[in-house]
Amino acid sequence: MRIGVIDGQGGGIGAAIIKRLKEVFGESVEIIALGTNAIATAQMLKARANRGASGENAIVRTAARVDILTGPIGIVLANAMMGEVTPRMAEAVAGSQAKKYLLPLTQENVVVVGMPYIPLPELVEQLVKNLVEMAR
């Protein structure tokens, strides 16, 4: 199973996801860190992603080649993350055949109605739990 983890800005969300996935799955999955910028990718690689790449073209090409995509909900919103998510990136992620596991975290003018505030560590645990169940 190949999992693409997309994050931008500091890469902290992606790093938290990758760290927990590695704890649970070890090397039984391939985790590809996809940063909207080099700093985000570096942070995710430090969290033990198997491989990493940065920028629009890397995200567009890799989104079509993974089984699962995960990251904050902004990865499907054009111009999210202070403009780091380009319209082409958002379209590639949304249009990918990969199953998408999106965390309802946003700094945009988007409200996910009916979604209570859940701290990042709890969201990551829910994400991992869903992936473990899916992998069975």
Protein backbone atom coordinates (compact mmCIF):
# COMPACT_ATOMS: atom_id res chain seq x y z
CA MET A 1 0.00 0.00 0.00
CA ARG A 2 1.33 3.45 -0.95
CA ILE A 3 0.18 6.40 1.14
CA GLY A 4 0.75 9.99 0.03
CA VAL A 5 0.80 12.51 2.87
CA ILE A 6 0.38 16.10 1.70
CA ASP A 7 1.14 19.13 3.84
CA GLY A 8 2.40 22.66 3.47
CA GLN A 9 3.83 25.53 5.44
CA GLY A 10 5.76 23.88 8.31
CA GLY A 11 4.82 20.27 7.60
CA GLY A 12 3.83 19.62 11.22
CA ILE A 13 0.48 18.02 10.41
CA GLY A 14 2.02 15.70 7.84
CA ALA A 15 4.88 14.84 10.22
CA ALA A 16 2.40 13.92 12.97
CA ILE A 17 0.49 11.68 10.54
CA ILE A 18 3.64 9.98 9.26
CA LYS A 19 5.08 9.40 12.72
CA ARG A 20 1.94 7.64 13.88
CA LEU A 21 1.56 5.63 10.65
CA LYS A 22 5.15 4.39 11.02
CA GLU A 23 4.50 3.39 14.63
CA VAL A 24 1.48 1.32 13.61
CA PHE A 25 2.41 -0.02 10.16
CA GLY A 26 6.22 0.02 10.29
CA GLU A 27 7.67 -0.73 6.87
CA SER A 28 4.61 -2.64 5.64
CA VAL A 29 3.42 0.52 3.86
CA GLU A 30 5.27 3.00 1.69
CA ILE A 31 4.74 6.57 2.85
CA ILE A 32 5.47 9.35 0.39
CA ALA A 33 5.80 12.86 1.83
CA LEU A 34 4.43 15.46 -0.56
CA GLY A 35 5.17 18.99 0.56
CA THR A 36 3.82 22.11 -1.02
CA ASN A 37 7.31 23.42 -0.22
CA ALA A 38 10.74 22.02 0.68
CA ILE A 39 10.46 22.85 4.38
CA ALA A 40 7.25 20.82 4.74
CA THR A 41 8.79 17.90 2.86
CA ALA A 42 11.92 17.99 5.05
CA GLN A 43 9.81 17.86 8.23
CA MET A 44 7.87 14.87 6.91
CA LEU A 45 11.07 13.08 5.89
CA LYS A 46 12.39 13.58 9.44
CA ALA A 47 9.23 11.79 10.62
CA ARG A 48 10.48 8.76 8.60
CA ALA A 49 8.58 8.98 5.32
CA ASN A 50 10.07 6.54 2.82
CA ARG A 51 10.41 9.18 0.11
CA GLY A 52 9.54 12.80 -0.40
CA ALA A 53 9.07 15.43 -3.05
CA SER A 54 8.05 19.08 -3.11
CA GLY A 55 5.97 21.35 -5.27
CA GLU A 56 3.12 21.35 -7.70
CA ASN A 57 4.42 18.88 -10.28
CA ALA A 58 5.45 16.33 -7.64
CA ILE A 59 2.01 16.44 -6.02
CA VAL A 60 0.14 16.31 -9.34
CA ARG A 61 2.12 13.32 -10.62
CA THR A 62 2.21 11.37 -7.36
CA ALA A 63 -1.48 11.88 -6.53
CA ALA A 64 -2.29 9.60 -9.46
CA ARG A 65 0.16 6.90 -8.29
CA VAL A 66 -0.80 6.22 -4.68
CA ASP A 67 -3.53 4.13 -3.07
CA ILE A 68 -4.34 6.62 -0.32
CA LEU A 69 -3.96 10.40 0.02
CA THR A 70 -4.17 12.14 3.36
CA GLY A 71 -3.65 15.59 4.81
CA PRO A 72 -5.68 18.58 5.93
CA ILE A 73 -8.89 19.32 4.03
CA GLY A 74 -7.16 22.29 2.41
CA ILE A 75 -5.39 19.95 -0.03
CA VAL A 76 -8.59 19.86 -2.10
CA LEU A 77 -9.15 23.64 -1.94
CA ALA A 78 -7.53 25.80 -4.59
CA ASN A 79 -5.34 28.52 -3.07
CA ALA A 80 -5.54 27.05 0.44
CA MET A 81 -2.63 27.12 2.91
CA MET A 82 -1.95 30.80 2.21
CA GLY A 83 -1.88 30.11 -1.52
CA GLU A 84 0.49 27.13 -1.39
CA VAL A 85 -2.15 24.74 -2.76
CA THR A 86 -2.42 25.68 -6.40
CA PRO A 87 -5.61 25.04 -8.37
CA ARG A 88 -3.74 22.32 -10.29
CA MET A 89 -2.73 20.58 -7.03
CA ALA A 90 -6.27 20.70 -5.63
CA GLU A 91 -7.67 19.32 -8.88
CA ALA A 92 -5.12 16.49 -8.96
CA VAL A 93 -5.88 15.48 -5.38
CA ALA A 94 -9.65 15.71 -5.76
CA GLY A 95 -9.57 13.87 -9.09
CA SER A 96 -7.20 11.12 -7.99
CA GLN A 97 -8.53 7.58 -7.85
CA ALA A 98 -6.81 7.22 -4.46
CA LYS A 99 -8.99 6.96 -1.38
CA LYS A 100 -8.78 10.27 0.46
CA TYR A 101 -8.62 10.65 4.23
CA LEU A 102 -8.88 14.38 4.97
CA LEU A 103 -8.49 15.98 8.37
CA PRO A 104 -11.01 18.79 9.02
CA LEU A 105 -8.33 21.37 9.78
CA THR A 106 -8.46 24.62 7.89
CA GLN A 107 -7.25 28.19 8.13
CA GLU A 108 -9.42 29.08 5.18
CA ASN A 109 -12.89 30.62 5.15
CA VAL A 110 -14.33 27.11 5.18
CA VAL A 111 -16.45 25.63 7.93
CA VAL A 112 -17.22 21.92 7.91
CA VAL A 113 -20.73 22.04 9.33
CA GLY A 114 -21.51 19.46 12.00
CA MET A 115 -17.84 18.81 12.70
CA PRO A 116 -16.91 19.51 16.32
CA TYR A 117 -13.45 20.77 17.19
CA ILE A 118 -11.14 17.81 17.65
CA PRO A 119 -7.46 18.32 18.54
CA LEU A 120 -4.88 17.19 15.98
CA PRO A 121 -3.58 14.21 18.01
CA GLU A 122 -7.11 12.78 18.24
CA LEU A 123 -7.69 13.34 14.51
CA VAL A 124 -4.47 11.50 13.71
CA GLU A 125 -5.56 8.60 15.93
CA GLN A 126 -8.91 8.43 14.12
CA LEU A 127 -7.12 8.49 10.77
CA VAL A 128 -4.81 5.63 11.74
CA LYS A 129 -7.72 3.64 13.14
CA ASN A 130 -9.56 4.02 9.81
CA LEU A 131 -6.50 2.90 7.86
CA VAL A 132 -5.95 -0.12 10.11
CA GLU A 133 -9.57 -1.18 9.60
CA MET A 134 -9.29 -0.63 5.84
CA ALA A 135 -6.09 -2.71 5.68
CA ARG A 136 -7.72 -5.77 7.27
